Amino acid sequence: MPAKSKAQQMAAGAALAAKRGEKKKSELKGASRSMEDSMTEKELEEMASTKRKGKKEHVSKK
């Protein structure tokens, strides 16, 4: 599942780093913390590798 915004893509990247042990889980905040718990490494990798070009900074919660 590709990221819908730049913010989501960056949160997935932070969660992926924590899941791989490159970053401490205690350093995660907000969405990246819940993503790390609920998503597999493969799902996070797919979301984090989404191209940023043409993505909105944030997507509204409609």
PDB file of N, CA and C in Angstrom:
ATOM      1  N   MET A   1       0.847  -1.168   0.000  1.00  0.00           N
ATOM      2  CA  MET A   1       0.000   0.000   0.000  1.00  0.00           C
ATOM      3  C   MET A   1       0.901   1.242   0.000  1.00  0.00           C
ATOM      4  N   PRO A   2       0.849   2.043  -1.036  1.00  0.00           N
ATOM      5  CA  PRO A   2       1.705   3.232  -1.109  1.00  0.00           C
ATOM      6  C   PRO A   2       1.226   4.335  -0.166  1.00  0.00           C
ATOM      7  N   ALA A   3       2.153   5.179   0.253  1.00  0.00           N
ATOM      8  CA  ALA A   3       1.826   6.301   1.131  1.00  0.00           C
ATOM      9  C   ALA A   3       0.980   7.314   0.372  1.00  0.00           C
ATOM     10  N   LYS A   4       0.062   7.973   1.086  1.00  0.00           N
ATOM     11  CA  LYS A   4      -0.813   8.963   0.468  1.00  0.00           C
ATOM     12  C   LYS A   4      -0.282  10.379   0.625  1.00  0.00           C
ATOM     13  N   SER A   5       0.698  10.576   1.507  1.00  0.00           N
ATOM     14  CA  SER A   5       1.261  11.904   1.720  1.00  0.00           C
ATOM     15  C   SER A   5       2.730  11.793   2.109  1.00  0.00           C
ATOM     16  N   LYS A   6       3.421  12.930   2.061  1.00  0.00           N
ATOM     17  CA  LYS A   6       4.826  12.958   2.458  1.00  0.00           C
ATOM     18  C   LYS A   6       4.966  12.615   3.939  1.00  0.00           C
ATOM     19  N   ALA A   7       4.051  13.119   4.753  1.00  0.00           N
ATOM     20  CA  ALA A   7       4.109  12.873   6.189  1.00  0.00           C
ATOM     21  C   ALA A   7       3.960  11.383   6.489  1.00  0.00           C
ATOM     22  N   GLN A   8       3.050  10.719   5.798  1.00  0.00           N
ATOM     23  CA  GLN A   8       2.842   9.293   6.002  1.00  0.00           C
ATOM     24  C   GLN A   8       4.080   8.500   5.559  1.00  0.00           C
ATOM     25  N   GLN A   9       4.690   8.911   4.474  1.00  0.00           N
ATOM     26  CA  GLN A   9       5.883   8.238   3.954  1.00  0.00           C
ATOM     27  C   GLN A   9       7.043   8.387   4.933  1.00  0.00           C
ATOM     28  N   MET A  10       7.201   9.562   5.508  1.00  0.00           N
ATOM     29  CA  MET A  10       8.286   9.784   6.457  1.00  0.00           C
ATOM     30  C   MET A  10       8.043   9.028   7.763  1.00  0.00           C
ATOM     31  N   ALA A  11       6.795   8.953   8.218  1.00  0.00           N
ATOM     32  CA  ALA A  11       6.463   8.201   9.423  1.00  0.00           C
ATOM     33  C   ALA A  11       6.751   6.714   9.216  1.00  0.00           C
ATOM     34  N   ALA A  12       6.435   6.210   8.038  1.00  0.00           N
ATOM     35  CA  ALA A  12       6.707   4.800   7.733  1.00  0.00           C
ATOM     36  C   ALA A  12       8.209   4.535   7.720  1.00  0.00           C
ATOM     37  N   GLY A  13       8.991   5.466   7.231  1.00  0.00           N
ATOM     38  CA  GLY A  13      10.443   5.324   7.223  1.00  0.00           C
ATOM     39  C   GLY A  13      11.018   5.271   8.634  1.00  0.00           C
ATOM     40  N   ALA A  14      10.500   6.113   9.520  1.00  0.00           N
ATOM     41  CA  ALA A  14      10.957   6.108  10.912  1.00  0.00           C
ATOM     42  C   ALA A  14      10.570   4.805  11.599  1.00  0.00           C
ATOM     43  N   ALA A  15       9.347   4.335  11.358  1.00  0.00           N
ATOM     44  CA  ALA A  15       8.889   3.078  11.947  1.00  0.00           C
ATOM     45  C   ALA A  15       9.715   1.899  11.424  1.00  0.00           C
ATOM     46  N   LEU A  16      10.053   1.927  10.157  1.00  0.00           N
ATOM     47  CA  LEU A  16      10.866   0.868   9.565  1.00  0.00           C
ATOM     48  C   LEU A  16      12.255   0.838  10.194  1.00  0.00           C
ATOM     49  N   ALA A  17      12.846   1.997  10.408  1.00  0.00           N
ATOM     50  CA  ALA A  17      14.168   2.069  11.039  1.00  0.00           C
ATOM     51  C   ALA A  17      14.122   1.479  12.451  1.00  0.00           C
ATOM     52  N   ALA A  18      13.050   1.749  13.187  1.00  0.00           N
ATOM     53  CA  ALA A  18      12.917   1.203  14.536  1.00  0.00           C
ATOM     54  C   ALA A  18      12.717  -0.307  14.493  1.00  0.00           C
ATOM     55  N   LYS A  19      11.935  -0.770  13.548  1.00  0.00           N
ATOM     56  CA  LYS A  19      11.684  -2.211  13.437  1.00  0.00           C
ATOM     57  C   LYS A  19      12.968  -2.956  13.098  1.00  0.00           C
ATOM     58  N   ARG A  20      13.844  -2.340  12.323  1.00  0.00           N
ATOM     59  CA  ARG A  20      15.119  -2.962  11.942  1.00  0.00           C
ATOM     60  C   ARG A  20      16.195  -2.785  13.009  1.00  0.00           C
ATOM     61  N   GLY A  21      15.914  -1.994  14.047  1.00  0.00           N
ATOM     62  CA  GLY A  21      16.880  -1.781  15.113  1.00  0.00           C
ATOM     63  C   GLY A  21      17.859  -0.660  14.851  1.00  0.00           C
ATOM     64  N   GLU A  22      17.621   0.133  13.810  1.00  0.00           N
ATOM     65  CA  GLU A  22      18.505   1.246  13.466  1.00  0.00           C
ATOM     66  C   GLU A  22      18.181   2.487  14.291  1.00  0.00           C
ATOM     67  N   LYS A  23      17.025   2.486  14.932  1.00  0.00           N
ATOM     68  CA  LYS A  23      16.558   3.614  15.716  1.00  0.00           C
ATOM     69  C   LYS A  23      15.841   3.051  16.935  1.00  0.00           C
ATOM     70  N   LYS A  24      15.915   3.741  18.056  1.00  0.00           N
ATOM     71  CA  LYS A  24      15.254   3.267  19.271  1.00  0.00           C
ATOM     72  C   LYS A  24      13.741   3.476  19.174  1.00  0.00           C
ATOM     73  N   LYS A  25      12.981   2.493  19.647  1.00  0.00           N
ATOM     74  CA  LYS A  25      11.523   2.606  19.625  1.00  0.00           C
ATOM     75  C   LYS A  25      11.055   3.779  20.476  1.00  0.00           C
ATOM     76  N   SER A  26      11.798   4.109  21.510  1.00  0.00           N
ATOM     77  CA  SER A  26      11.418   5.212  22.397  1.00  0.00           C
ATOM     78  C   SER A  26      11.527   6.575  21.709  1.00  0.00           C
ATOM     79  N   GLU A  27      12.237   6.639  20.593  1.00  0.00           N
ATOM     80  CA  GLU A  27      12.377   7.891  19.845  1.00  0.00           C
ATOM     81  C   GLU A  27      11.186   8.160  18.921  1.00  0.00           C
ATOM     82  N   LEU A  28      10.344   7.150  18.703  1.00  0.00           N
ATOM     83  CA  LEU A  28       9.202   7.306  17.804  1.00  0.00           C
ATOM     84  C   LEU A  28       8.095   8.112  18.466  1.00  0.00           C
ATOM     85  N   LYS A  29       7.363   8.868  17.645  1.00  0.00           N
ATOM     86  CA  LYS A  29       6.244   9.667  18.134  1.00  0.00           C
ATOM     87  C   LYS A  29       5.058   9.490  17.205  1.00  0.00           C
ATOM     88  N   GLY A  30       3.873   9.647  17.726  1.00  0.00           N
ATOM     89  CA  GLY A  30       2.652   9.680  16.933  1.00  0.00           C
ATOM     90  C   GLY A  30       2.433   8.485  16.036  1.00  0.00           C
ATOM     91  N   ALA A  31       2.185   8.759  14.761  1.00  0.00           N
ATOM     92  CA  ALA A  31       1.819   7.725  13.791  1.00  0.00           C
ATOM     93  C   ALA A  31       2.915   6.685  13.606  1.00  0.00           C
ATOM     94  N   SER A  32       4.166   7.109  13.650  1.00  0.00           N
ATOM     95  CA  SER A  32       5.249   6.150  13.436  1.00  0.00           C
ATOM     96  C   SER A  32       5.293   5.106  14.549  1.00  0.00           C
ATOM     97  N   ARG A  33       4.913   5.495  15.757  1.00  0.00           N
ATOM     98  CA  ARG A  33       4.894   4.546  16.880  1.00  0.00           C
ATOM     99  C   ARG A  33       3.820   3.477  16.654  1.00  0.00           C
ATOM    100  N   SER A  34       2.641   3.889  16.239  1.00  0.00           N
ATOM    101  CA  SER A  34       1.576   2.910  16.014  1.00  0.00           C
ATOM    102  C   SER A  34       1.844   2.080  14.759  1.00  0.00           C
ATOM    103  N   MET A  35       2.466   2.668  13.749  1.00  0.00           N
ATOM    104  CA  MET A  35       2.817   1.926  12.536  1.00  0.00           C
ATOM    105  C   MET A  35       3.812   0.819  12.858  1.00  0.00           C
ATOM    106  N   GLU A  36       4.785   1.110  13.697  1.00  0.00           N
ATOM    107  CA  GLU A  36       5.817   0.143  14.042  1.00  0.00           C
ATOM    108  C   GLU A  36       5.197  -1.080  14.718  1.00  0.00           C
ATOM    109  N   ASP A  37       4.187  -0.853  15.547  1.00  0.00           N
ATOM    110  CA  ASP A  37       3.517  -1.944  16.255  1.00  0.00           C
ATOM    111  C   ASP A  37       2.587  -2.751  15.357  1.00  0.00           C
ATOM    112  N   SER A  38       1.892  -2.082  14.458  1.00  0.00           N
ATOM    113  CA  SER A  38       0.804  -2.734  13.732  1.00  0.00           C
ATOM    114  C   SER A  38       1.149  -3.244  12.333  1.00  0.00           C
ATOM    115  N   MET A  39       2.268  -2.822  11.757  1.00  0.00           N
ATOM    116  CA  MET A  39       2.596  -3.194  10.382  1.00  0.00           C
ATOM    117  C   MET A  39       3.835  -4.084  10.327  1.00  0.00           C
ATOM    118  N   THR A  40       3.886  -4.914   9.297  1.00  0.00           N
ATOM    119  CA  THR A  40       5.052  -5.774   9.104  1.00  0.00           C
ATOM    120  C   THR A  40       6.174  -4.957   8.463  1.00  0.00           C
ATOM    121  N   GLU A  41       7.378  -5.506   8.496  1.00  0.00           N
ATOM    122  CA  GLU A  41       8.521  -4.825   7.886  1.00  0.00           C
ATOM    123  C   GLU A  41       8.306  -4.633   6.388  1.00  0.00           C
ATOM    124  N   LYS A  42       7.721  -5.617   5.737  1.00  0.00           N
ATOM    125  CA  LYS A  42       7.472  -5.528   4.298  1.00  0.00           C
ATOM    126  C   LYS A  42       6.471  -4.411   3.983  1.00  0.00           C
ATOM    127  N   GLU A  43       5.401  -4.295   4.774  1.00  0.00           N
ATOM    128  CA  GLU A  43       4.411  -3.237   4.557  1.00  0.00           C
ATOM    129  C   GLU A  43       5.040  -1.867   4.767  1.00  0.00           C
ATOM    130  N   LEU A  44       5.848  -1.735   5.815  1.00  0.00           N
ATOM    131  CA  LEU A  44       6.516  -0.457   6.089  1.00  0.00           C
ATOM    132  C   LEU A  44       7.493  -0.101   4.973  1.00  0.00           C
ATOM    133  N   GLU A  45       8.222  -1.097   4.484  1.00  0.00           N
ATOM    134  CA  GLU A  45       9.182  -0.858   3.410  1.00  0.00           C
ATOM    135  C   GLU A  45       8.472  -0.369   2.144  1.00  0.00           C
ATOM    136  N   GLU A  46       7.339  -0.978   1.849  1.00  0.00           N
ATOM    137  CA  GLU A  46       6.564  -0.581   0.668  1.00  0.00           C
ATOM    138  C   GLU A  46       6.057   0.850   0.803  1.00  0.00           C
ATOM    139  N   MET A  47       5.571   1.207   1.990  1.00  0.00           N
ATOM    140  CA  MET A  47       5.043   2.548   2.207  1.00  0.00           C
ATOM    141  C   MET A  47       6.167   3.582   2.235  1.00  0.00           C
ATOM    142  N   ALA A  48       7.285   3.243   2.836  1.00  0.00           N
ATOM    143  CA  ALA A  48       8.407   4.182   2.947  1.00  0.00           C
ATOM    144  C   ALA A  48       9.092   4.417   1.603  1.00  0.00           C
ATOM    145  N   SER A  49       9.009   3.456   0.698  1.00  0.00           N
ATOM    146  CA  SER A  49       9.687   3.600  -0.586  1.00  0.00           C
ATOM    147  C   SER A  49       8.848   4.323  -1.633  1.00  0.00           C
ATOM    148  N   THR A  50       7.665   4.781  -1.272  1.00  0.00           N
ATOM    149  CA  THR A  50       6.800   5.528  -2.186  1.00  0.00           C
ATOM    150  C   THR A  50       7.495   6.810  -2.634  1.00  0.00           C
ATOM    151  N   LYS A  51       7.398   7.118  -3.904  1.00  0.00           N
ATOM    152  CA  LYS A  51       7.970   8.359  -4.429  1.00  0.00           C
ATOM    153  C   LYS A  51       7.238   9.550  -3.821  1.00  0.00           C
ATOM    154  N   ARG A  52       7.973  10.594  -3.481  1.00  0.00           N
ATOM    155  CA  ARG A  52       7.367  11.784  -2.869  1.00  0.00           C
ATOM    156  C   ARG A  52       6.845  12.788  -3.892  1.00  0.00           C
ATOM    157  N   LYS A  53       7.353  12.726  -5.095  1.00  0.00           N
ATOM    158  CA  LYS A  53       6.980  13.723  -6.099  1.00  0.00           C
ATOM    159  C   LYS A  53       5.474  13.689  -6.336  1.00  0.00           C
ATOM    160  N   GLY A  54       4.844  14.853  -6.221  1.00  0.00           N
ATOM    161  CA  GLY A  54       3.415  14.972  -6.470  1.00  0.00           C
ATOM    162  C   GLY A  54       2.543  14.643  -5.272  1.00  0.00           C
ATOM    163  N   LYS A  55       3.135  14.305  -4.144  1.00  0.00           N
ATOM    164  CA  LYS A  55       2.356  13.988  -2.946  1.00  0.00           C
ATOM    165  C   LYS A  55       2.075  15.256  -2.165  1.00  0.00           C
ATOM    166  N   LYS A  56       0.918  15.285  -1.518  1.00  0.00           N
ATOM    167  CA  LYS A  56       0.596  16.400  -0.637  1.00  0.00           C
ATOM    168  C   LYS A  56       1.400  16.247   0.641  1.00  0.00           C
ATOM    169  N   GLU A  57       1.599  17.359   1.338  1.00  0.00           N
ATOM    170  CA  GLU A  57       2.330  17.310   2.615  1.00  0.00           C
ATOM    171  C   GLU A  57       1.527  16.498   3.636  1.00  0.00           C
ATOM    172  N   HIS A  58       0.243  16.782   3.735  1.00  0.00           N
ATOM    173  CA  HIS A  58      -0.666  16.063   4.628  1.00  0.00           C
ATOM    174  C   HIS A  58      -1.970  15.817   3.897  1.00  0.00           C
ATOM    175  N   VAL A  59      -2.682  14.770   4.264  1.00  0.00           N
ATOM    176  CA  VAL A  59      -3.981  14.469   3.669  1.00  0.00           C
ATOM    177  C   VAL A  59      -5.042  14.701   4.726  1.00  0.00           C
ATOM    178  N   SER A  60      -6.131  15.375   4.360  1.00  0.00           N
ATOM    179  CA  SER A  60      -7.190  15.657   5.335  1.00  0.00           C
ATOM    180  C   SER A  60      -7.857  14.375   5.795  1.00  0.00           C
ATOM    181  N   LYS A  61      -8.458  14.403   6.977  1.00  0.00           N
ATOM    182  CA  LYS A  61      -9.069  13.208   7.589  1.00  0.00           C
ATOM    183  C   LYS A  61     -10.538  13.079   7.232  1.00  0.00           C
ATOM    184  N   LYS A  62     -10.908  13.238   5.980  1.00  0.00           N
ATOM    185  CA  LYS A  62     -12.318  13.124   5.584  1.00  0.00           C
ATOM    186  C   LYS A  62     -12.741  11.708   5.415  1.00  0.00           C
TER     187      LYS A  62
END
